[in-house]
């Protein structure tokens, strides 16, 4: 944001005059500015003159805010994002760390991947960088995997690619050629060809199951009505509780 631009804010009435509202405006304006700025230029361009008073509460709250970084050497101010990303290499490094430590950091993303929106907050050029990384040739050397939406084909999730090089290569071309040259036998000759190889058709599965096999199955698995219980109270054997212990009128 150039110094000539004015960051819009509520009029100085009601909530606009509130210190917390002014702080929120300042943080949002700093976040929208991709480059480090001088405090004087920043305060004037965003109509926040109170920031120029080092004794004001607004200045102290702004300076101590977790999202504000102040370089004392250059006296420049910047917004502190969730992740320190400045290049495609930083992006790949972060995705690799997320892959090896799923669930670390923000809870907005999946266990091993990250949302594009989350990455763009820390690295505005994330979309362009990911597009380039996802088109890298040869394919087996691509460092990232991209999950896109079905309707708009837009990037939704980004993952680090752990399989590259020879591990990611497709089926060998020679194998494909040999595979496509193989001829499937006609339906009439298929049973004979299978028999030569010691195989059989699936017709065997349609044959009725022998009674002996059914008997074994029933023997091995008993239904609820076939369960046997061991009589523990042997002293009650032969006693019918439903008749012998009914109180007579």
C-alpha atoms as a PDB file:
ATOM      1  CA  UNK A   1       0.000   0.000   0.000  1.00  0.00           C
ATOM      2  CA  UNK A   2       1.501   3.323  -1.024  1.00  0.00           C
ATOM      3  CA  UNK A   3       1.642   6.294   1.297  1.00  0.00           C
ATOM      4  CA  UNK A   4      -0.866   8.116  -0.901  1.00  0.00           C
ATOM      5  CA  UNK A   5      -3.557   5.506  -0.285  1.00  0.00           C
ATOM      6  CA  UNK A   6      -6.024   6.062   2.525  1.00  0.00           C
ATOM      7  CA  UNK A   7      -7.256   2.992   4.361  1.00  0.00           C
ATOM      8  CA  UNK A   8     -10.977   3.387   4.948  1.00  0.00           C
ATOM      9  CA  UNK A   9     -12.243   3.267   8.504  1.00  0.00           C
ATOM     10  CA  UNK A  10     -15.449   4.147  10.343  1.00  0.00           C
ATOM     11  CA  UNK A  11     -16.121   7.801  10.977  1.00  0.00           C
ATOM     12  CA  UNK A  12     -14.838   9.115  14.286  1.00  0.00           C
ATOM     13  CA  UNK A  13     -18.140   8.561  16.014  1.00  0.00           C
ATOM     14  CA  UNK A  14     -19.424   5.666  18.090  1.00  0.00           C
ATOM     15  CA  UNK A  15     -17.275   2.533  17.785  1.00  0.00           C
ATOM     16  CA  UNK A  16     -14.868   4.294  15.400  1.00  0.00           C
ATOM     17  CA  UNK A  17     -13.448   6.333  18.254  1.00  0.00           C
ATOM     18  CA  UNK A  18     -12.984   3.293  20.429  1.00  0.00           C
ATOM     19  CA  UNK A  19      -9.387   2.325  21.003  1.00  0.00           C
ATOM     20  CA  UNK A  20      -9.990  -1.359  20.255  1.00  0.00           C
ATOM     21  CA  UNK A  21     -11.662  -0.473  16.973  1.00  0.00           C
ATOM     22  CA  UNK A  22      -8.702   1.719  16.036  1.00  0.00           C
ATOM     23  CA  UNK A  23      -6.334  -1.123  16.879  1.00  0.00           C
ATOM     24  CA  UNK A  24      -8.299  -3.563  14.712  1.00  0.00           C
ATOM     25  CA  UNK A  25      -8.168  -1.098  11.814  1.00  0.00           C
ATOM     26  CA  UNK A  26      -4.410  -0.730  12.231  1.00  0.00           C
ATOM     27  CA  UNK A  27      -3.807  -4.498  12.303  1.00  0.00           C
ATOM     28  CA  UNK A  28      -5.978  -5.097   9.232  1.00  0.00           C
ATOM     29  CA  UNK A  29      -4.209  -2.305   7.356  1.00  0.00           C
ATOM     30  CA  UNK A  30      -0.787  -3.672   8.262  1.00  0.00           C
ATOM     31  CA  UNK A  31      -1.854  -7.153   7.135  1.00  0.00           C
ATOM     32  CA  UNK A  32      -3.001  -5.774   3.783  1.00  0.00           C
ATOM     33  CA  UNK A  33       0.409  -4.187   3.229  1.00  0.00           C
ATOM     34  CA  UNK A  34       2.868  -6.789   1.861  1.00  0.00           C
ATOM     35  CA  UNK A  35       5.964  -4.654   2.456  1.00  0.00           C
ATOM     36  CA  UNK A  36       7.566  -3.197   5.608  1.00  0.00           C
ATOM     37  CA  UNK A  37       6.465   0.390   6.284  1.00  0.00           C
ATOM     38  CA  UNK A  38       7.550   3.379   8.307  1.00  0.00           C
ATOM     39  CA  UNK A  39       5.157   4.069  11.148  1.00  0.00           C
ATOM     40  CA  UNK A  40       4.713   7.702  10.122  1.00  0.00           C
ATOM     41  CA  UNK A  41       3.715   6.802   6.569  1.00  0.00           C
ATOM     42  CA  UNK A  42       1.481   4.000   7.795  1.00  0.00           C
ATOM     43  CA  UNK A  43      -0.333   6.118  10.388  1.00  0.00           C
ATOM     44  CA  UNK A  44      -0.951   9.027   8.013  1.00  0.00           C
ATOM     45  CA  UNK A  45      -2.079   6.897   5.066  1.00  0.00           C
ATOM     46  CA  UNK A  46      -4.578   5.081   7.270  1.00  0.00           C
ATOM     47  CA  UNK A  47      -5.839   8.113   9.213  1.00  0.00           C
ATOM     48  CA  UNK A  48      -4.458   6.846  12.522  1.00  0.00           C
ATOM     49  CA  UNK A  49      -2.551   9.845  13.919  1.00  0.00           C
ATOM     50  CA  UNK A  50      -2.728   8.472  17.477  1.00  0.00           C
ATOM     51  CA  UNK A  51      -0.185   5.833  16.480  1.00  0.00           C
ATOM     52  CA  UNK A  52       2.415   8.585  16.193  1.00  0.00           C
ATOM     53  CA  UNK A  53       2.125   9.344  19.905  1.00  0.00           C
ATOM     54  CA  UNK A  54       4.550   6.958  21.685  1.00  0.00           C
ATOM     55  CA  UNK A  55       2.775   7.647  24.982  1.00  0.00           C
ATOM     56  CA  UNK A  56      -0.694   6.654  23.761  1.00  0.00           C
ATOM     57  CA  UNK A  57      -2.333   3.369  24.712  1.00  0.00           C
ATOM     58  CA  UNK A  58      -3.024   2.686  21.039  1.00  0.00           C
ATOM     59  CA  UNK A  59       0.681   2.856  20.197  1.00  0.00           C
ATOM     60  CA  UNK A  60       1.647   0.521  23.061  1.00  0.00           C
ATOM     61  CA  UNK A  61      -1.083  -1.976  22.192  1.00  0.00           C
ATOM     62  CA  UNK A  62      -0.105  -1.856  18.536  1.00  0.00           C
ATOM     63  CA  UNK A  63       3.594  -2.336  19.264  1.00  0.00           C
ATOM     64  CA  UNK A  64       3.004  -5.264  21.644  1.00  0.00           C
ATOM     65  CA  UNK A  65       0.439  -6.989  19.414  1.00  0.00           C
ATOM     66  CA  UNK A  66       1.369 -10.595  18.533  1.00  0.00           C
ATOM     67  CA  UNK A  67       0.840  -9.886  14.839  1.00  0.00           C
ATOM     68  CA  UNK A  68       3.075  -6.820  14.692  1.00  0.00           C
ATOM     69  CA  UNK A  69       6.809  -6.997  14.024  1.00  0.00           C
ATOM     70  CA  UNK A  70       9.098  -4.015  14.531  1.00  0.00           C
ATOM     71  CA  UNK A  71      12.622  -4.051  13.140  1.00  0.00           C
ATOM     72  CA  UNK A  72      14.525  -1.736  15.470  1.00  0.00           C
ATOM     73  CA  UNK A  73      17.486  -1.529  13.080  1.00  0.00           C
ATOM     74  CA  UNK A  74      15.498  -0.235  10.126  1.00  0.00           C
ATOM     75  CA  UNK A  75      12.587   1.132  12.180  1.00  0.00           C
ATOM     76  CA  UNK A  76      10.158  -0.621   9.828  1.00  0.00           C
ATOM     77  CA  UNK A  77       6.905  -2.342  10.759  1.00  0.00           C
ATOM     78  CA  UNK A  78       5.408  -5.490   9.230  1.00  0.00           C
ATOM     79  CA  UNK A  79       2.561  -7.921   9.814  1.00  0.00           C
ATOM     80  CA  UNK A  80       3.587 -11.258  11.330  1.00  0.00           C
ATOM     81  CA  UNK A  81       1.809 -14.127   9.512  1.00  0.00           C
ATOM     82  CA  UNK A  82       1.226 -17.675  10.756  1.00  0.00           C
ATOM     83  CA  UNK A  83       4.117 -18.987   8.691  1.00  0.00           C
ATOM     84  CA  UNK A  84       7.357 -17.375   7.568  1.00  0.00           C
ATOM     85  CA  UNK A  85       7.083 -17.898   3.809  1.00  0.00           C
ATOM     86  CA  UNK A  86       8.934 -15.871   1.202  1.00  0.00           C
ATOM     87  CA  UNK A  87       9.538 -18.286  -1.675  1.00  0.00           C
ATOM     88  CA  UNK A  88       8.305 -21.532  -3.272  1.00  0.00           C
ATOM     89  CA  UNK A  89      11.146 -23.332  -1.463  1.00  0.00           C
ATOM     90  CA  UNK A  90       9.769 -22.118   1.894  1.00  0.00           C
ATOM     91  CA  UNK A  91       6.351 -23.379   0.844  1.00  0.00           C
ATOM     92  CA  UNK A  92       7.650 -26.854   0.006  1.00  0.00           C
ATOM     93  CA  UNK A  93       9.576 -26.972   3.289  1.00  0.00           C
ATOM     94  CA  UNK A  94       6.434 -26.135   5.265  1.00  0.00           C
ATOM     95  CA  UNK A  95       4.380 -28.792   3.449  1.00  0.00           C
ATOM     96  CA  UNK A  96       7.106 -31.353   4.123  1.00  0.00           C
ATOM     97  CA  UNK A  97       7.088 -30.500   7.837  1.00  0.00           C
ATOM     98  CA  UNK A  98       3.302 -30.794   7.911  1.00  0.00           C
ATOM     99  CA  UNK A  99       3.537 -34.217   6.237  1.00  0.00           C
ATOM    100  CA  UNK A 100       5.980 -35.544   8.834  1.00  0.00           C
ATOM    101  CA  UNK A 101       4.162 -33.848  11.735  1.00  0.00           C
ATOM    102  CA  UNK A 102       0.442 -33.984  10.849  1.00  0.00           C
ATOM    103  CA  UNK A 103      -1.828 -31.816  12.942  1.00  0.00           C
ATOM    104  CA  UNK A 104       0.929 -29.342  13.846  1.00  0.00           C
ATOM    105  CA  UNK A 105       0.102 -25.665  13.572  1.00  0.00           C
ATOM    106  CA  UNK A 106      -3.345 -24.537  12.493  1.00  0.00           C
ATOM    107  CA  UNK A 107      -6.358 -26.821  12.867  1.00  0.00           C
ATOM    108  CA  UNK A 108      -7.931 -25.462   9.681  1.00  0.00           C
ATOM    109  CA  UNK A 109      -6.156 -27.979   7.474  1.00  0.00           C
ATOM    110  CA  UNK A 110      -6.153 -31.723   7.113  1.00  0.00           C
ATOM    111  CA  UNK A 111      -3.676 -33.979   8.893  1.00  0.00           C
ATOM    112  CA  UNK A 112      -0.975 -33.741   6.225  1.00  0.00           C
ATOM    113  CA  UNK A 113      -2.201 -31.093   3.795  1.00  0.00           C
ATOM    114  CA  UNK A 114      -2.869 -27.374   3.953  1.00  0.00           C
ATOM    115  CA  UNK A 115      -5.609 -25.147   2.584  1.00  0.00           C
ATOM    116  CA  UNK A 116      -4.668 -22.663  -0.108  1.00  0.00           C
ATOM    117  CA  UNK A 117      -6.475 -19.874   1.760  1.00  0.00           C
ATOM    118  CA  UNK A 118      -4.377 -20.578   4.850  1.00  0.00           C
ATOM    119  CA  UNK A 119      -1.144 -20.438   2.856  1.00  0.00           C
ATOM    120  CA  UNK A 120      -2.090 -17.210   1.086  1.00  0.00           C
ATOM    121  CA  UNK A 121      -2.477 -15.431   4.406  1.00  0.00           C
ATOM    122  CA  UNK A 122       1.227 -15.996   5.011  1.00  0.00           C
ATOM    123  CA  UNK A 123       2.398 -15.972   1.401  1.00  0.00           C
ATOM    124  CA  UNK A 124       0.246 -13.905  -1.018  1.00  0.00           C
ATOM    125  CA  UNK A 125       1.937 -15.505  -4.042  1.00  0.00           C
ATOM    126  CA  UNK A 126       1.127 -19.029  -2.822  1.00  0.00           C
ATOM    127  CA  UNK A 127      -1.419 -19.750  -5.572  1.00  0.00           C
ATOM    128  CA  UNK A 128       0.972 -18.880  -8.393  1.00  0.00           C
ATOM    129  CA  UNK A 129       3.823 -20.801  -6.746  1.00  0.00           C
ATOM    130  CA  UNK A 130       1.682 -23.912  -6.253  1.00  0.00           C
ATOM    131  CA  UNK A 131       0.459 -23.810  -9.855  1.00  0.00           C
ATOM    132  CA  UNK A 132       4.065 -23.789 -11.070  1.00  0.00           C
ATOM    133  CA  UNK A 133       5.118 -26.564  -8.701  1.00  0.00           C
ATOM    134  CA  UNK A 134       2.160 -28.732  -9.738  1.00  0.00           C
ATOM    135  CA  UNK A 135       3.112 -28.455 -13.433  1.00  0.00           C
ATOM    136  CA  UNK A 136       6.772 -29.328 -12.984  1.00  0.00           C
ATOM    137  CA  UNK A 137       8.170 -31.809 -15.497  1.00  0.00           C
ATOM    138  CA  UNK A 138       8.930 -34.629 -15.352  1.00  0.00           C
ATOM    139  CA  UNK A 139       5.879 -35.537 -13.307  1.00  0.00           C
ATOM    140  CA  UNK A 140       7.775 -37.961 -11.079  1.00  0.00           C
ATOM    141  CA  UNK A 141       9.885 -35.079  -9.736  1.00  0.00           C
ATOM    142  CA  UNK A 142       6.971 -32.895  -8.604  1.00  0.00           C
ATOM    143  CA  UNK A 143       7.314 -31.861  -4.972  1.00  0.00           C
ATOM    144  CA  UNK A 144       3.650 -31.097  -4.286  1.00  0.00           C
ATOM    145  CA  UNK A 145       0.299 -32.758  -4.882  1.00  0.00           C
ATOM    146  CA  UNK A 146      -2.794 -30.637  -5.421  1.00  0.00           C
ATOM    147  CA  UNK A 147      -6.436 -31.375  -4.609  1.00  0.00           C
ATOM    148  CA  UNK A 148      -8.790 -29.339  -6.822  1.00  0.00           C
ATOM    149  CA  UNK A 149     -12.504 -28.637  -6.800  1.00  0.00           C
ATOM    150  CA  UNK A 150     -14.625 -30.651  -9.223  1.00  0.00           C
ATOM    151  CA  UNK A 151     -16.601 -27.694 -10.556  1.00  0.00           C
ATOM    152  CA  UNK A 152     -14.084 -24.862 -10.827  1.00  0.00           C
ATOM    153  CA  UNK A 153     -10.826 -26.891 -10.813  1.00  0.00           C
ATOM    154  CA  UNK A 154      -9.533 -24.426  -8.223  1.00  0.00           C
ATOM    155  CA  UNK A 155      -6.832 -25.454  -5.751  1.00  0.00           C
ATOM    156  CA  UNK A 156      -8.350 -26.518  -2.435  1.00  0.00           C
ATOM    157  CA  UNK A 157      -5.657 -28.478  -0.603  1.00  0.00           C
ATOM    158  CA  UNK A 158      -1.907 -28.835  -1.101  1.00  0.00           C
ATOM    159  CA  UNK A 159       0.227 -31.774   0.026  1.00  0.00           C
ATOM    160  CA  UNK A 160       3.919 -32.559   0.014  1.00  0.00           C
ATOM    161  CA  UNK A 161       4.715 -35.407  -2.372  1.00  0.00           C
ATOM    162  CA  UNK A 162       6.749 -38.135  -0.605  1.00  0.00           C
ATOM    163  CA  UNK A 163       7.015 -40.370  -3.688  1.00  0.00           C
ATOM    164  CA  UNK A 164       9.320 -39.049  -6.361  1.00  0.00           C
ATOM    165  CA  UNK A 165      11.893 -40.289  -8.821  1.00  0.00           C
ATOM    166  CA  UNK A 166      11.806 -43.991  -9.645  1.00  0.00           C
ATOM    167  CA  UNK A 167       9.146 -44.603  -6.965  1.00  0.00           C
ATOM    168  CA  UNK A 168       6.708 -42.333  -8.785  1.00  0.00           C
ATOM    169  CA  UNK A 169       7.310 -43.478 -12.342  1.00  0.00           C
ATOM    170  CA  UNK A 170       4.402 -45.009 -14.213  1.00  0.00           C
ATOM    171  CA  UNK A 171       4.190 -48.430 -15.802  1.00  0.00           C
ATOM    172  CA  UNK A 172       7.110 -49.214 -18.086  1.00  0.00           C
ATOM    173  CA  UNK A 173       6.300 -48.625 -21.771  1.00  0.00           C
ATOM    174  CA  UNK A 174       7.699 -52.017 -22.761  1.00  0.00           C
ATOM    175  CA  UNK A 175       5.385 -53.698 -20.265  1.00  0.00           C
ATOM    176  CA  UNK A 176       2.416 -51.764 -21.672  1.00  0.00           C
ATOM    177  CA  UNK A 177       3.257 -52.936 -25.184  1.00  0.00           C
ATOM    178  CA  UNK A 178       3.503 -56.573 -24.115  1.00  0.00           C
ATOM    179  CA  UNK A 179       0.269 -56.283 -22.130  1.00  0.00           C
ATOM    180  CA  UNK A 180      -1.718 -54.876 -25.058  1.00  0.00           C
ATOM    181  CA  UNK A 181      -0.330 -57.534 -27.401  1.00  0.00           C
ATOM    182  CA  UNK A 182      -1.809 -60.308 -25.282  1.00  0.00           C
ATOM    183  CA  UNK A 183      -4.985 -61.752 -26.765  1.00  0.00           C
ATOM    184  CA  UNK A 184      -7.884 -62.857 -24.630  1.00  0.00           C
ATOM    185  CA  UNK A 185      -9.182 -66.315 -25.691  1.00  0.00           C
ATOM    186  CA  UNK A 186     -12.668 -66.621 -27.122  1.00  0.00           C
ATOM    187  CA  UNK A 187     -15.433 -67.604 -24.730  1.00  0.00           C
ATOM    188  CA  UNK A 188     -15.549 -71.050 -26.304  1.00  0.00           C
ATOM    189  CA  UNK A 189     -11.814 -71.646 -25.803  1.00  0.00           C
ATOM    190  CA  UNK A 190     -11.533 -69.905 -22.434  1.00  0.00           C
ATOM    191  CA  UNK A 191     -12.318 -72.946 -20.219  1.00  0.00           C
ATOM    192  CA  UNK A 192      -9.734 -75.038 -22.085  1.00  0.00           C
ATOM    193  CA  UNK A 193      -7.083 -72.354 -21.789  1.00  0.00           C
ATOM    194  CA  UNK A 194      -7.766 -71.970 -18.070  1.00  0.00           C
ATOM    195  CA  UNK A 195      -7.601 -75.726 -17.579  1.00  0.00           C
ATOM    196  CA  UNK A 196      -4.187 -75.791 -19.236  1.00  0.00           C
ATOM    197  CA  UNK A 197      -2.969 -73.325 -16.623  1.00  0.00           C
ATOM    198  CA  UNK A 198      -4.529 -75.294 -13.784  1.00  0.00           C
ATOM    199  CA  UNK A 199      -7.332 -72.772 -13.365  1.00  0.00           C
ATOM    200  CA  UNK A 200     -11.103 -73.009 -13.665  1.00  0.00           C
ATOM    201  CA  UNK A 201     -13.985 -70.751 -14.565  1.00  0.00           C
ATOM    202  CA  UNK A 202     -16.222 -69.091 -12.018  1.00  0.00           C
ATOM    203  CA  UNK A 203     -18.974 -71.575 -12.863  1.00  0.00           C
ATOM    204  CA  UNK A 204     -17.739 -73.656  -9.962  1.00  0.00           C
ATOM    205  CA  UNK A 205     -18.899 -70.935  -7.627  1.00  0.00           C
ATOM    206  CA  UNK A 206     -22.463 -71.392  -8.890  1.00  0.00           C
ATOM    207  CA  UNK A 207     -22.539 -75.085  -7.967  1.00  0.00           C
ATOM    208  CA  UNK A 208     -24.547 -76.054  -4.867  1.00  0.00           C
ATOM    209  CA  UNK A 209     -22.620 -76.283  -1.630  1.00  0.00           C
ATOM    210  CA  UNK A 210     -22.224 -79.908  -0.461  1.00  0.00           C
ATOM    211  CA  UNK A 211     -24.241 -80.969   2.566  1.00  0.00           C
ATOM    212  CA  UNK A 212     -21.052 -81.907   4.416  1.00  0.00           C
ATOM    213  CA  UNK A 213     -19.759 -78.362   4.050  1.00  0.00           C
ATOM    214  CA  UNK A 214     -23.027 -76.968   5.355  1.00  0.00           C
ATOM    215  CA  UNK A 215     -22.860 -79.328   8.315  1.00  0.00           C
ATOM    216  CA  UNK A 216     -19.357 -78.141   9.143  1.00  0.00           C
ATOM    217  CA  UNK A 217     -20.480 -74.540   8.863  1.00  0.00           C
ATOM    218  CA  UNK A 218     -23.391 -75.126  11.218  1.00  0.00           C
ATOM    219  CA  UNK A 219     -21.163 -77.014  13.606  1.00  0.00           C
ATOM    220  CA  UNK A 220     -18.564 -74.280  13.667  1.00  0.00           C
ATOM    221  CA  UNK A 221     -20.994 -71.416  14.185  1.00  0.00           C
ATOM    222  CA  UNK A 222     -23.960 -71.731  16.481  1.00  0.00           C
ATOM    223  CA  UNK A 223     -26.926 -69.439  16.447  1.00  0.00           C
ATOM    224  CA  UNK A 224     -28.371 -67.748  19.526  1.00  0.00           C
ATOM    225  CA  UNK A 225     -30.782 -70.647  20.085  1.00  0.00           C
ATOM    226  CA  UNK A 226     -28.026 -73.263  20.006  1.00  0.00           C
ATOM    227  CA  UNK A 227     -25.828 -71.882  22.734  1.00  0.00           C
ATOM    228  CA  UNK A 228     -25.041 -74.147  25.632  1.00  0.00           C
ATOM    229  CA  UNK A 229     -24.616 -72.945  29.175  1.00  0.00           C
ATOM    230  CA  UNK A 230     -22.777 -74.673  31.936  1.00  0.00           C
ATOM    231  CA  UNK A 231     -24.906 -75.179  35.002  1.00  0.00           C
ATOM    232  CA  UNK A 232     -23.043 -73.581  37.891  1.00  0.00           C
ATOM    233  CA  UNK A 233     -25.577 -73.916  40.727  1.00  0.00           C
ATOM    234  CA  UNK A 234     -25.545 -77.723  40.931  1.00  0.00           C
ATOM    235  CA  UNK A 235     -27.581 -77.661  44.130  1.00  0.00           C
ATOM    236  CA  UNK A 236     -30.560 -76.300  42.101  1.00  0.00           C
ATOM    237  CA  UNK A 237     -30.449 -79.074  39.517  1.00  0.00           C
ATOM    238  CA  UNK A 238     -33.894 -80.637  39.147  1.00  0.00           C
ATOM    239  CA  UNK A 239     -35.648 -77.700  40.821  1.00  0.00           C
ATOM    240  CA  UNK A 240     -38.283 -75.895  38.738  1.00  0.00           C
ATOM    241  CA  UNK A 241     -38.254 -72.326  40.027  1.00  0.00           C
ATOM    242  CA  UNK A 242     -41.427 -71.482  38.121  1.00  0.00           C
ATOM    243  CA  UNK A 243     -43.512 -73.993  40.052  1.00  0.00           C
ATOM    244  CA  UNK A 244     -41.786 -75.023  43.255  1.00  0.00           C
ATOM    245  CA  UNK A 245     -41.366 -71.496  44.602  1.00  0.00           C
ATOM    246  CA  UNK A 246     -44.709 -69.941  43.637  1.00  0.00           C
ATOM    247  CA  UNK A 247     -46.534 -68.830  46.739  1.00  0.00           C
ATOM    248  CA  UNK A 248     -49.698 -70.838  47.131  1.00  0.00           C
ATOM    249  CA  UNK A 249     -52.929 -68.921  47.793  1.00  0.00           C
END
